[in-house]
Amino acid sequence: MRVAAATALVVVSLTAGCIGGLSADGSVDAAAVGDAVEQRYAALDGYDATVTRTVEVGDSTTEARADVSVRGEQREVTYSTGPRAGETVTESADGGPVFDAGAGAGSPATPAGYGALAETLVRTSNVTVERVTTYDGHQTAVVELEPHENATGDATNVSRTVWVDLDREVPLKFVTSWTTDGGQPASVTVTYDDVTLVENASASAEVAA
């Protein structure tokens, strides 16, 4: 099973967009999500966070953790646990998922690119706000993305749940779940701790957790 994992800023933008795109009846306007994603991404000049990824397949569990700092067009990733522990990678902020840093960039990370990805995810998923709760001291919406009934291919086997900080419109946690070809349950959980955002409106004004 190929897992389509979003980068940290895709998730930041997607979750902010999902909240912004919800209508009164709970449905989601995919185009509005795309627009909100572009605006949210364009508003950020950088961020700092500790990112932890836990992969579970059947009875097997692996974990990796990294401190991530993004300023403008540059990103520094310092791994503290996992197979790359002790390694630091400095690269373009467009370098792809944190745990693939240094492995070569994928598609360009642009506001329009994030917007298109978010719009596609919303168009191919049923998006609902499951509940509003408190997570790690923050008022948080739990957003679920489940495949449409008429979904085809890999999309039929993947569900996502995202915990969104409502005040700062950033993710605190997201879980991607699926079933392997061998019938085992599998999931990838990514958490963001000690998040600090740098907004473009004032590059020196940081909004901390």
C-alpha atoms as a PDB file:
ATOM      1  CA  MET A   1       0.000   0.000   0.000  1.00  0.00           C
ATOM      2  CA  ARG A   2       1.435   3.334  -1.048  1.00  0.00           C
ATOM      3  CA  VAL A   3       0.715   5.986   1.571  1.00  0.00           C
ATOM      4  CA  ALA A   4       0.169   9.494   0.231  1.00  0.00           C
ATOM      5  CA  ALA A   5       1.742  11.526   3.030  1.00  0.00           C
ATOM      6  CA  ALA A   6       1.356  15.301   3.024  1.00  0.00           C
ATOM      7  CA  THR A   7       4.181  17.592   4.110  1.00  0.00           C
ATOM      8  CA  ALA A   8       3.809  19.562   7.323  1.00  0.00           C
ATOM      9  CA  LEU A   9       2.795  22.752   5.554  1.00  0.00           C
ATOM     10  CA  VAL A  10       0.328  20.954   3.326  1.00  0.00           C
ATOM     11  CA  VAL A  11      -1.395  19.747   6.477  1.00  0.00           C
ATOM     12  CA  VAL A  12      -1.198  23.219   8.037  1.00  0.00           C
ATOM     13  CA  SER A  13      -2.862  24.665   4.970  1.00  0.00           C
ATOM     14  CA  LEU A  14      -5.324  21.821   4.404  1.00  0.00           C
ATOM     15  CA  THR A  15      -6.680  21.864   7.934  1.00  0.00           C
ATOM     16  CA  ALA A  16      -6.975  25.648   7.961  1.00  0.00           C
ATOM     17  CA  GLY A  17      -8.774  25.394   4.632  1.00  0.00           C
ATOM     18  CA  CYS A  18     -11.149  22.679   5.791  1.00  0.00           C
ATOM     19  CA  ILE A  19     -12.337  24.845   8.651  1.00  0.00           C
ATOM     20  CA  GLY A  20     -12.688  27.847   6.362  1.00  0.00           C
ATOM     21  CA  GLY A  21     -14.517  25.862   3.664  1.00  0.00           C
ATOM     22  CA  LEU A  22     -17.237  24.393   5.874  1.00  0.00           C
ATOM     23  CA  SER A  23     -20.770  25.551   5.104  1.00  0.00           C
ATOM     24  CA  ALA A  24     -23.724  25.751   7.467  1.00  0.00           C
ATOM     25  CA  ASP A  25     -24.884  22.231   6.548  1.00  0.00           C
ATOM     26  CA  GLY A  26     -21.451  20.733   7.225  1.00  0.00           C
ATOM     27  CA  SER A  27     -20.478  20.244   3.575  1.00  0.00           C
ATOM     28  CA  VAL A  28     -17.138  21.483   2.253  1.00  0.00           C
ATOM     29  CA  ASP A  29     -16.529  23.758  -0.731  1.00  0.00           C
ATOM     30  CA  ALA A  30     -13.378  22.306  -2.323  1.00  0.00           C
ATOM     31  CA  ALA A  31     -12.623  25.505  -4.258  1.00  0.00           C
ATOM     32  CA  ALA A  32     -12.918  27.568  -1.073  1.00  0.00           C
ATOM     33  CA  VAL A  33     -10.525  25.156   0.630  1.00  0.00           C
ATOM     34  CA  GLY A  34      -8.016  25.604  -2.190  1.00  0.00           C
ATOM     35  CA  ASP A  35      -8.214  29.385  -1.896  1.00  0.00           C
ATOM     36  CA  ALA A  36      -7.852  29.275   1.899  1.00  0.00           C
ATOM     37  CA  VAL A  37      -4.858  26.971   1.566  1.00  0.00           C
ATOM     38  CA  GLU A  38      -3.051  29.367  -0.758  1.00  0.00           C
ATOM     39  CA  GLN A  39      -3.746  32.311   1.544  1.00  0.00           C
ATOM     40  CA  ARG A  40      -2.623  30.442   4.657  1.00  0.00           C
ATOM     41  CA  TYR A  41       0.598  29.221   3.076  1.00  0.00           C
ATOM     42  CA  ALA A  42       1.393  32.673   1.674  1.00  0.00           C
ATOM     43  CA  ALA A  43       0.931  34.212   5.142  1.00  0.00           C
ATOM     44  CA  LEU A  44       3.695  32.122   6.707  1.00  0.00           C
ATOM     45  CA  ASP A  45       7.342  33.135   6.581  1.00  0.00           C
ATOM     46  CA  GLY A  46       8.444  30.163   8.652  1.00  0.00           C
ATOM     47  CA  TYR A  47       7.856  27.921  11.640  1.00  0.00           C
ATOM     48  CA  ASP A  48       9.603  25.868  14.326  1.00  0.00           C
ATOM     49  CA  ALA A  49       8.268  22.538  15.616  1.00  0.00           C
ATOM     50  CA  THR A  50       9.225  19.170  17.020  1.00  0.00           C
ATOM     51  CA  VAL A  51       7.754  16.585  14.644  1.00  0.00           C
ATOM     52  CA  THR A  52       7.255  12.952  15.664  1.00  0.00           C
ATOM     53  CA  ARG A  53       6.222  10.214  13.238  1.00  0.00           C
ATOM     54  CA  THR A  54       4.985   6.838  14.517  1.00  0.00           C
ATOM     55  CA  VAL A  55       4.392   4.039  12.018  1.00  0.00           C
ATOM     56  CA  GLU A  56       2.346   1.011  13.084  1.00  0.00           C
ATOM     57  CA  VAL A  57       1.864  -2.058  10.895  1.00  0.00           C
ATOM     58  CA  GLY A  58       0.269  -5.011  12.645  1.00  0.00           C
ATOM     59  CA  ASP A  59       2.276  -5.533  15.861  1.00  0.00           C
ATOM     60  CA  SER A  60       5.301  -3.549  14.626  1.00  0.00           C
ATOM     61  CA  THR A  61       5.901   0.064  15.701  1.00  0.00           C
ATOM     62  CA  THR A  62       8.682   2.454  14.664  1.00  0.00           C
ATOM     63  CA  GLU A  63       9.182   6.061  15.694  1.00  0.00           C
ATOM     64  CA  ALA A  64      11.290   8.974  14.483  1.00  0.00           C
ATOM     65  CA  ARG A  65      11.529  12.524  15.813  1.00  0.00           C
ATOM     66  CA  ALA A  66      13.047  15.720  14.458  1.00  0.00           C
ATOM     67  CA  ASP A  67      13.316  19.407  15.312  1.00  0.00           C
ATOM     68  CA  VAL A  68      12.322  21.453  12.278  1.00  0.00           C
ATOM     69  CA  SER A  69      13.051  25.124  11.626  1.00  0.00           C
ATOM     70  CA  VAL A  70      11.900  26.928   8.478  1.00  0.00           C
ATOM     71  CA  ARG A  71      12.784  30.531   7.639  1.00  0.00           C
ATOM     72  CA  GLY A  72      11.911  31.897   4.240  1.00  0.00           C
ATOM     73  CA  GLU A  73      13.228  29.501   1.608  1.00  0.00           C
ATOM     74  CA  GLN A  74      15.456  27.446   3.928  1.00  0.00           C
ATOM     75  CA  ARG A  75      14.649  24.508   6.197  1.00  0.00           C
ATOM     76  CA  GLU A  76      16.834  22.829   8.829  1.00  0.00           C
ATOM     77  CA  VAL A  77      15.889  19.379  10.128  1.00  0.00           C
ATOM     78  CA  THR A  78      17.723  17.862  13.114  1.00  0.00           C
ATOM     79  CA  TYR A  79      16.848  14.229  13.838  1.00  0.00           C
ATOM     80  CA  SER A  80      16.844  13.132  17.497  1.00  0.00           C
ATOM     81  CA  THR A  81      15.447   9.587  17.222  1.00  0.00           C
ATOM     82  CA  GLY A  82      15.016   7.058  14.430  1.00  0.00           C
ATOM     83  CA  PRO A  83      17.452   5.798  11.793  1.00  0.00           C
ATOM     84  CA  ARG A  84      18.846   9.298  11.134  1.00  0.00           C
ATOM     85  CA  ALA A  85      19.330  10.312  14.795  1.00  0.00           C
ATOM     86  CA  GLY A  86      22.137  12.852  15.180  1.00  0.00           C
ATOM     87  CA  GLU A  87      21.926  13.988  11.553  1.00  0.00           C
ATOM     88  CA  THR A  88      21.120  17.567  10.507  1.00  0.00           C
ATOM     89  CA  VAL A  89      19.919  18.425   7.007  1.00  0.00           C
ATOM     90  CA  THR A  90      19.744  21.967   5.668  1.00  0.00           C
ATOM     91  CA  GLU A  91      17.900  22.352   2.395  1.00  0.00           C
ATOM     92  CA  SER A  92      15.240  24.257   0.516  1.00  0.00           C
ATOM     93  CA  ALA A  93      11.940  24.701   2.347  1.00  0.00           C
ATOM     94  CA  ASP A  94      10.454  23.011  -0.733  1.00  0.00           C
ATOM     95  CA  GLY A  95      12.318  19.801   0.117  1.00  0.00           C
ATOM     96  CA  GLY A  96       9.302  17.570   0.681  1.00  0.00           C
ATOM     97  CA  PRO A  97       8.212  15.604   3.781  1.00  0.00           C
ATOM     98  CA  VAL A  98      10.339  16.094   6.909  1.00  0.00           C
ATOM     99  CA  PHE A  99      11.341  12.441   7.168  1.00  0.00           C
ATOM    100  CA  ASP A 100      12.448  12.392   3.545  1.00  0.00           C
ATOM    101  CA  ALA A 101      14.650  15.492   3.941  1.00  0.00           C
ATOM    102  CA  GLY A 102      17.767  15.345   1.788  1.00  0.00           C
ATOM    103  CA  ALA A 103      16.288  12.627  -0.419  1.00  0.00           C
ATOM    104  CA  GLY A 104      15.380  15.008  -3.231  1.00  0.00           C
ATOM    105  CA  ALA A 105      12.455  17.371  -3.620  1.00  0.00           C
ATOM    106  CA  GLY A 106       9.173  16.370  -5.133  1.00  0.00           C
ATOM    107  CA  SER A 107       6.790  18.819  -6.738  1.00  0.00           C
ATOM    108  CA  PRO A 108       7.437  22.522  -6.013  1.00  0.00           C
ATOM    109  CA  ALA A 109       6.018  23.744  -2.699  1.00  0.00           C
ATOM    110  CA  THR A 110       4.103  26.836  -3.804  1.00  0.00           C
ATOM    111  CA  PRO A 111       0.862  28.385  -2.532  1.00  0.00           C
ATOM    112  CA  ALA A 112      -0.884  27.329  -5.758  1.00  0.00           C
ATOM    113  CA  GLY A 113       0.555  23.811  -5.481  1.00  0.00           C
ATOM    114  CA  TYR A 114      -0.677  23.384  -1.913  1.00  0.00           C
ATOM    115  CA  GLY A 115      -4.051  24.780  -2.894  1.00  0.00           C
ATOM    116  CA  ALA A 116      -4.433  22.293  -5.738  1.00  0.00           C
ATOM    117  CA  LEU A 117      -3.444  19.351  -3.508  1.00  0.00           C
ATOM    118  CA  ALA A 118      -5.868  20.369  -0.765  1.00  0.00           C
ATOM    119  CA  GLU A 119      -8.691  20.878  -3.251  1.00  0.00           C
ATOM    120  CA  THR A 120      -8.093  17.401  -4.707  1.00  0.00           C
ATOM    121  CA  LEU A 121      -8.092  15.764  -1.267  1.00  0.00           C
ATOM    122  CA  VAL A 122     -11.352  17.477  -0.374  1.00  0.00           C
ATOM    123  CA  ARG A 123     -13.022  16.617  -3.697  1.00  0.00           C
ATOM    124  CA  THR A 124     -12.172  12.922  -3.224  1.00  0.00           C
ATOM    125  CA  SER A 125     -13.095  12.714   0.481  1.00  0.00           C
ATOM    126  CA  ASN A 126     -16.015  13.146   2.819  1.00  0.00           C
ATOM    127  CA  VAL A 127     -14.774  15.863   5.194  1.00  0.00           C
ATOM    128  CA  THR A 128     -16.438  16.340   8.563  1.00  0.00           C
ATOM    129  CA  VAL A 129     -15.631  18.037  11.854  1.00  0.00           C
ATOM    130  CA  GLU A 130     -16.067  15.131  14.252  1.00  0.00           C
ATOM    131  CA  ARG A 131     -15.873  17.195  17.447  1.00  0.00           C
ATOM    132  CA  VAL A 132     -14.268  20.164  19.151  1.00  0.00           C
ATOM    133  CA  THR A 133     -12.115  19.284  22.133  1.00  0.00           C
ATOM    134  CA  THR A 134      -9.031  20.320  24.072  1.00  0.00           C
ATOM    135  CA  TYR A 135      -5.758  18.782  22.926  1.00  0.00           C
ATOM    136  CA  ASP A 136      -2.447  19.609  24.604  1.00  0.00           C
ATOM    137  CA  GLY A 137      -4.042  22.689  26.162  1.00  0.00           C
ATOM    138  CA  HIS A 138      -5.441  24.068  22.882  1.00  0.00           C
ATOM    139  CA  GLN A 139      -9.035  24.289  21.633  1.00  0.00           C
ATOM    140  CA  THR A 140      -8.945  21.766  18.816  1.00  0.00           C
ATOM    141  CA  ALA A 141     -11.278  20.586  16.061  1.00  0.00           C
ATOM    142  CA  VAL A 142     -11.007  16.932  15.048  1.00  0.00           C
ATOM    143  CA  VAL A 143     -11.409  16.804  11.250  1.00  0.00           C
ATOM    144  CA  GLU A 144     -12.001  13.489   9.462  1.00  0.00           C
ATOM    145  CA  LEU A 145     -11.413  12.759   5.761  1.00  0.00           C
ATOM    146  CA  GLU A 146     -12.959   9.499   4.595  1.00  0.00           C
ATOM    147  CA  PRO A 147     -13.008   8.249   0.974  1.00  0.00           C
ATOM    148  CA  HIS A 148     -16.139   8.848  -1.089  1.00  0.00           C
ATOM    149  CA  GLU A 149     -18.329   5.813  -1.754  1.00  0.00           C
ATOM    150  CA  ASN A 150     -17.401   5.997  -5.443  1.00  0.00           C
ATOM    151  CA  ALA A 151     -13.660   6.321  -4.781  1.00  0.00           C
ATOM    152  CA  THR A 152     -11.349   4.060  -6.776  1.00  0.00           C
ATOM    153  CA  GLY A 153      -7.816   2.684  -6.391  1.00  0.00           C
ATOM    154  CA  ASP A 154      -5.762   3.528  -3.298  1.00  0.00           C
ATOM    155  CA  ALA A 155      -8.251   6.231  -2.301  1.00  0.00           C
ATOM    156  CA  THR A 156     -10.757   3.591  -1.167  1.00  0.00           C
ATOM    157  CA  ASN A 157      -8.396   2.321   1.523  1.00  0.00           C
ATOM    158  CA  VAL A 158      -7.142   5.476   3.223  1.00  0.00           C
ATOM    159  CA  SER A 159      -8.706   7.591   5.964  1.00  0.00           C
ATOM    160  CA  ARG A 160      -7.236  10.615   7.694  1.00  0.00           C
ATOM    161  CA  THR A 161      -7.988  12.312  11.013  1.00  0.00           C
ATOM    162  CA  VAL A 162      -6.490  15.710  11.835  1.00  0.00           C
ATOM    163  CA  TRP A 163      -6.480  17.603  15.148  1.00  0.00           C
ATOM    164  CA  VAL A 164      -6.529  21.342  14.305  1.00  0.00           C
ATOM    165  CA  ASP A 165      -5.618  24.183  16.678  1.00  0.00           C
ATOM    166  CA  LEU A 166      -8.564  26.522  16.049  1.00  0.00           C
ATOM    167  CA  ASP A 167      -6.824  29.683  17.247  1.00  0.00           C
ATOM    168  CA  ARG A 168      -3.715  29.366  15.091  1.00  0.00           C
ATOM    169  CA  GLU A 169      -5.152  27.151  12.310  1.00  0.00           C
ATOM    170  CA  VAL A 170      -2.303  24.644  12.476  1.00  0.00           C
ATOM    171  CA  PRO A 171      -2.311  20.869  12.998  1.00  0.00           C
ATOM    172  CA  LEU A 172      -1.260  19.359  16.302  1.00  0.00           C
ATOM    173  CA  LYS A 173      -1.681  15.757  15.181  1.00  0.00           C
ATOM    174  CA  PHE A 174      -2.752  13.754  12.147  1.00  0.00           C
ATOM    175  CA  VAL A 175      -3.329  10.066  11.605  1.00  0.00           C
ATOM    176  CA  THR A 176      -3.435   8.267   8.249  1.00  0.00           C
ATOM    177  CA  SER A 177      -4.890   4.743   8.415  1.00  0.00           C
ATOM    178  CA  TRP A 178      -5.224   1.932   5.885  1.00  0.00           C
ATOM    179  CA  THR A 179      -5.176  -1.858   5.528  1.00  0.00           C
ATOM    180  CA  THR A 180      -2.179  -3.582   3.957  1.00  0.00           C
ATOM    181  CA  ASP A 181      -2.464  -6.011   1.065  1.00  0.00           C
ATOM    182  CA  GLY A 182      -1.966  -8.757   3.650  1.00  0.00           C
ATOM    183  CA  GLY A 183      -4.960  -7.569   5.675  1.00  0.00           C
ATOM    184  CA  GLN A 184      -3.028  -5.956   8.539  1.00  0.00           C
ATOM    185  CA  PRO A 185      -4.146  -2.632  10.013  1.00  0.00           C
ATOM    186  CA  ALA A 186      -1.576   0.111   9.491  1.00  0.00           C
ATOM    187  CA  SER A 187      -1.270   3.777  10.430  1.00  0.00           C
ATOM    188  CA  VAL A 188       1.088   6.731  10.391  1.00  0.00           C
ATOM    189  CA  THR A 189       0.678   9.249  13.230  1.00  0.00           C
ATOM    190  CA  VAL A 190       2.443  12.600  13.028  1.00  0.00           C
ATOM    191  CA  THR A 191       2.398  15.027  15.966  1.00  0.00           C
ATOM    192  CA  TYR A 192       3.608  18.628  16.160  1.00  0.00           C
ATOM    193  CA  ASP A 193       4.876  19.936  19.495  1.00  0.00           C
ATOM    194  CA  ASP A 194       6.318  23.280  20.591  1.00  0.00           C
ATOM    195  CA  VAL A 195       5.004  24.965  17.440  1.00  0.00           C
ATOM    196  CA  THR A 196       6.049  28.561  16.737  1.00  0.00           C
ATOM    197  CA  LEU A 197       4.794  30.376  13.633  1.00  0.00           C
ATOM    198  CA  VAL A 198       6.409  33.334  11.886  1.00  0.00           C
ATOM    199  CA  GLU A 199       3.844  35.332   9.940  1.00  0.00           C
ATOM    200  CA  ASN A 200       4.783  37.292   6.827  1.00  0.00           C
ATOM    201  CA  ALA A 201       3.020  40.391   8.113  1.00  0.00           C
ATOM    202  CA  SER A 202       5.846  40.798  10.620  1.00  0.00           C
ATOM    203  CA  ALA A 203       8.745  38.403  10.247  1.00  0.00           C
ATOM    204  CA  SER A 204       9.875  39.168  13.775  1.00  0.00           C
ATOM    205  CA  ALA A 205       6.474  38.625  15.403  1.00  0.00           C
ATOM    206  CA  GLU A 206       6.309  34.975  16.417  1.00  0.00           C
ATOM    207  CA  VAL A 207       3.147  33.265  17.620  1.00  0.00           C
ATOM    208  CA  ALA A 208       4.150  30.519  20.045  1.00  0.00           C
ATOM    209  CA  ALA A 209       2.316  27.584  21.540  1.00  0.00           C
END
